[in-house]
């Protein structure tokens, strides 16, 4: 969670979802983990749990992880 300030519980959940994306063994599993990660981020943004700019950085972290995994899975 580079450059994103999260409390411990939110950080653990975000890292768990990132790990699911990285370990995904199929496109469907990767996309589902990405959708859950985006839902987490949107929920935290909605309740005001993120500092200004952190929502965008968090989204970019999730997006980069998902894109990398999807690229790897489709090239195999």
N, C-alpha and C. Protein backbone atom coordinates (compact mmCIF):
# COMPACT_ATOMS: atom_id res chain seq x y z
N UNK A 1 0.84 -1.17 0.00
CA UNK A 1 0.00 0.00 0.00
C UNK A 1 0.89 1.24 0.00
N UNK A 2 1.56 1.38 -1.06
CA UNK A 2 2.52 2.46 -1.23
C UNK A 2 1.86 3.83 -1.17
N UNK A 3 2.34 4.69 -0.28
CA UNK A 3 1.91 6.08 -0.18
C UNK A 3 0.44 6.27 0.19
N UNK A 4 -0.18 5.27 0.79
CA UNK A 4 -1.58 5.39 1.21
C UNK A 4 -1.63 5.21 2.72
N UNK A 5 -2.28 6.14 3.40
CA UNK A 5 -2.41 6.07 4.85
C UNK A 5 -3.72 5.37 5.20
N UNK A 6 -3.61 4.21 5.84
CA UNK A 6 -4.77 3.43 6.27
C UNK A 6 -4.58 3.02 7.71
N UNK A 7 -5.68 2.84 8.44
CA UNK A 7 -5.53 2.30 9.79
C UNK A 7 -5.17 0.82 9.67
N UNK A 8 -4.79 0.20 10.74
CA UNK A 8 -4.29 -1.18 10.69
C UNK A 8 -5.30 -2.15 10.10
N UNK A 9 -6.55 -2.05 10.51
CA UNK A 9 -7.57 -2.98 10.02
C UNK A 9 -7.80 -2.81 8.52
N UNK A 10 -7.90 -1.57 8.06
CA UNK A 10 -8.10 -1.32 6.63
C UNK A 10 -6.88 -1.77 5.83
N UNK A 11 -5.70 -1.55 6.39
CA UNK A 11 -4.47 -1.95 5.69
C UNK A 11 -4.41 -3.47 5.54
N UNK A 12 -4.75 -4.20 6.61
CA UNK A 12 -4.75 -5.67 6.53
C UNK A 12 -5.72 -6.16 5.47
N UNK A 13 -6.89 -5.57 5.40
CA UNK A 13 -7.89 -5.98 4.41
C UNK A 13 -7.42 -5.65 2.99
N UNK A 14 -6.87 -4.48 2.80
CA UNK A 14 -6.37 -4.10 1.48
C UNK A 14 -5.22 -5.02 1.06
N UNK A 15 -4.32 -5.32 1.97
CA UNK A 15 -3.21 -6.22 1.66
C UNK A 15 -3.71 -7.64 1.37
N UNK A 16 -4.73 -8.07 2.08
CA UNK A 16 -5.31 -9.40 1.83
C UNK A 16 -5.89 -9.47 0.42
N UNK A 17 -6.59 -8.42 0.02
CA UNK A 17 -7.17 -8.41 -1.32
C UNK A 17 -6.10 -8.32 -2.40
N UNK A 18 -5.06 -7.54 -2.15
CA UNK A 18 -3.95 -7.49 -3.11
C UNK A 18 -3.29 -8.86 -3.24
N UNK A 19 -3.12 -9.53 -2.12
CA UNK A 19 -2.51 -10.87 -2.15
C UNK A 19 -3.38 -11.84 -2.93
N UNK A 20 -4.71 -11.74 -2.79
CA UNK A 20 -5.61 -12.60 -3.57
C UNK A 20 -5.43 -12.36 -5.06
N UNK A 21 -5.27 -11.09 -5.44
CA UNK A 21 -5.05 -10.79 -6.86
C UNK A 21 -3.74 -11.39 -7.34
N UNK A 22 -2.70 -11.24 -6.57
CA UNK A 22 -1.37 -11.72 -6.95
C UNK A 22 -1.34 -13.24 -7.05
N UNK A 23 -2.08 -13.92 -6.19
CA UNK A 23 -2.07 -15.39 -6.17
C UNK A 23 -3.12 -16.01 -7.08
N UNK A 24 -3.98 -15.21 -7.68
CA UNK A 24 -5.10 -15.73 -8.48
C UNK A 24 -4.57 -16.69 -9.54
N UNK A 25 -5.26 -17.83 -9.65
CA UNK A 25 -4.82 -18.82 -10.64
C UNK A 25 -5.72 -18.85 -11.86
N UNK A 26 -6.67 -17.93 -11.93
CA UNK A 26 -7.53 -17.82 -13.12
C UNK A 26 -7.96 -16.36 -13.27
N UNK A 27 -8.41 -16.04 -14.48
CA UNK A 27 -8.90 -14.69 -14.74
C UNK A 27 -10.09 -14.35 -13.86
N UNK A 28 -10.98 -15.31 -13.67
CA UNK A 28 -12.18 -15.06 -12.87
C UNK A 28 -11.82 -14.76 -11.42
N UNK A 29 -10.91 -15.52 -10.86
CA UNK A 29 -10.50 -15.29 -9.46
C UNK A 29 -9.84 -13.91 -9.33
N UNK A 30 -9.00 -13.56 -10.30
CA UNK A 30 -8.32 -12.26 -10.26
C UNK A 30 -9.33 -11.12 -10.36
N UNK A 31 -10.27 -11.23 -11.28
CA UNK A 31 -11.27 -10.17 -11.47
C UNK A 31 -12.16 -10.05 -10.24
N UNK A 32 -12.54 -11.17 -9.63
CA UNK A 32 -13.35 -11.12 -8.41
C UNK A 32 -12.60 -10.40 -7.28
N UNK A 33 -11.32 -10.73 -7.12
CA UNK A 33 -10.52 -10.06 -6.09
C UNK A 33 -10.41 -8.57 -6.40
N UNK A 34 -10.26 -8.24 -7.66
CA UNK A 34 -10.19 -6.82 -8.05
C UNK A 34 -11.49 -6.10 -7.74
N UNK A 35 -12.61 -6.75 -7.99
CA UNK A 35 -13.91 -6.14 -7.71
C UNK A 35 -14.10 -5.94 -6.21
N UNK A 36 -13.69 -6.92 -5.41
CA UNK A 36 -13.79 -6.76 -3.95
C UNK A 36 -12.88 -5.63 -3.47
N UNK A 37 -11.70 -5.53 -4.05
CA UNK A 37 -10.77 -4.46 -3.66
C UNK A 37 -11.36 -3.10 -4.01
N UNK A 38 -11.95 -3.00 -5.19
CA UNK A 38 -12.57 -1.73 -5.58
C UNK A 38 -13.74 -1.40 -4.67
N UNK A 39 -14.52 -2.40 -4.28
CA UNK A 39 -15.63 -2.18 -3.36
C UNK A 39 -15.14 -1.69 -2.00
N UNK A 40 -14.05 -2.27 -1.53
CA UNK A 40 -13.46 -1.82 -0.26
C UNK A 40 -13.06 -0.36 -0.37
N UNK A 41 -12.37 -0.03 -1.45
CA UNK A 41 -11.90 1.33 -1.63
C UNK A 41 -13.06 2.31 -1.72
N UNK A 42 -14.09 1.97 -2.48
CA UNK A 42 -15.25 2.85 -2.61
C UNK A 42 -15.98 3.01 -1.28
N UNK A 43 -16.07 1.93 -0.52
CA UNK A 43 -16.71 2.01 0.79
C UNK A 43 -15.94 2.92 1.73
N UNK A 44 -14.62 2.76 1.75
CA UNK A 44 -13.81 3.62 2.63
C UNK A 44 -13.90 5.08 2.20
N UNK A 45 -13.93 5.31 0.90
CA UNK A 45 -14.05 6.68 0.39
C UNK A 45 -15.42 7.26 0.77
N UNK A 46 -16.46 6.47 0.65
CA UNK A 46 -17.82 6.93 0.95
C UNK A 46 -17.98 7.35 2.40
N UNK A 47 -17.39 6.59 3.32
CA UNK A 47 -17.54 6.93 4.74
C UNK A 47 -16.50 7.93 5.22
N UNK A 48 -15.66 8.40 4.31
CA UNK A 48 -14.67 9.41 4.68
C UNK A 48 -13.49 8.86 5.45
N UNK A 49 -13.17 7.58 5.24
CA UNK A 49 -12.07 6.95 5.97
C UNK A 49 -10.72 7.15 5.31
N UNK A 50 -10.69 7.84 4.17
CA UNK A 50 -9.43 8.05 3.45
C UNK A 50 -9.11 9.54 3.39
N UNK A 51 -7.81 9.84 3.48
CA UNK A 51 -7.37 11.23 3.31
C UNK A 51 -7.54 11.63 1.85
N UNK A 52 -7.53 12.92 1.63
CA UNK A 52 -7.62 13.44 0.27
C UNK A 52 -6.48 12.86 -0.57
N UNK A 53 -6.81 12.31 -1.69
CA UNK A 53 -5.81 11.73 -2.58
C UNK A 53 -5.52 10.27 -2.32
N UNK A 54 -5.78 9.79 -1.11
CA UNK A 54 -5.50 8.38 -0.80
C UNK A 54 -6.41 7.44 -1.57
N UNK A 55 -7.65 7.85 -1.81
CA UNK A 55 -8.56 7.00 -2.58
C UNK A 55 -8.00 6.75 -3.97
N UNK A 56 -7.52 7.79 -4.60
CA UNK A 56 -6.95 7.65 -5.94
C UNK A 56 -5.69 6.77 -5.92
N UNK A 57 -4.82 6.98 -4.95
CA UNK A 57 -3.60 6.16 -4.86
C UNK A 57 -3.94 4.70 -4.58
N UNK A 58 -4.92 4.47 -3.72
CA UNK A 58 -5.34 3.11 -3.41
C UNK A 58 -5.91 2.44 -4.66
N UNK A 59 -6.75 3.16 -5.36
CA UNK A 59 -7.32 2.63 -6.60
C UNK A 59 -6.21 2.28 -7.59
N UNK A 60 -5.22 3.15 -7.73
CA UNK A 60 -4.11 2.89 -8.66
C UNK A 60 -3.30 1.67 -8.24
N UNK A 61 -3.10 1.48 -6.94
CA UNK A 61 -2.40 0.28 -6.45
C UNK A 61 -3.16 -0.98 -6.81
N UNK A 62 -4.47 -0.98 -6.55
CA UNK A 62 -5.30 -2.13 -6.89
C UNK A 62 -5.30 -2.38 -8.40
N UNK A 63 -5.47 -1.32 -9.17
CA UNK A 63 -5.53 -1.44 -10.62
C UNK A 63 -4.22 -2.00 -11.19
N UNK A 64 -3.10 -1.52 -10.70
CA UNK A 64 -1.80 -2.00 -11.18
C UNK A 64 -1.61 -3.48 -10.87
N UNK A 65 -1.99 -3.88 -9.66
CA UNK A 65 -1.85 -5.29 -9.28
C UNK A 65 -2.74 -6.18 -10.14
N UNK A 66 -3.97 -5.74 -10.37
CA UNK A 66 -4.89 -6.54 -11.17
C UNK A 66 -4.42 -6.62 -12.62
N UNK A 67 -4.02 -5.50 -13.19
CA UNK A 67 -3.54 -5.51 -14.57
C UNK A 67 -2.34 -6.42 -14.75
N UNK A 68 -1.41 -6.36 -13.80
CA UNK A 68 -0.22 -7.21 -13.89
C UNK A 68 -0.60 -8.69 -13.84
N UNK A 69 -1.53 -9.03 -12.95
CA UNK A 69 -1.92 -10.44 -12.83
C UNK A 69 -2.69 -10.91 -14.06
N UNK A 70 -3.58 -10.08 -14.55
CA UNK A 70 -4.34 -10.45 -15.75
C UNK A 70 -3.40 -10.62 -16.96
N UNK A 71 -2.43 -9.75 -17.06
CA UNK A 71 -1.47 -9.86 -18.16
C UNK A 71 -0.69 -11.17 -18.06
N UNK A 72 -0.28 -11.52 -16.85
CA UNK A 72 0.46 -12.77 -16.64
C UNK A 72 -0.42 -13.98 -16.95
N UNK A 73 -1.66 -13.95 -16.49
CA UNK A 73 -2.57 -15.07 -16.71
C UNK A 73 -2.93 -15.24 -18.18
N UNK A 74 -3.05 -14.15 -18.91
CA UNK A 74 -3.42 -14.26 -20.32
C UNK A 74 -2.23 -14.62 -21.20
N UNK A 75 -1.02 -14.39 -20.72
CA UNK A 75 0.16 -14.74 -21.52
C UNK A 75 0.61 -16.17 -21.30
N UNK A 76 0.04 -16.84 -20.31
CA UNK A 76 0.44 -18.22 -20.00
C UNK A 76 -0.27 -19.21 -20.89
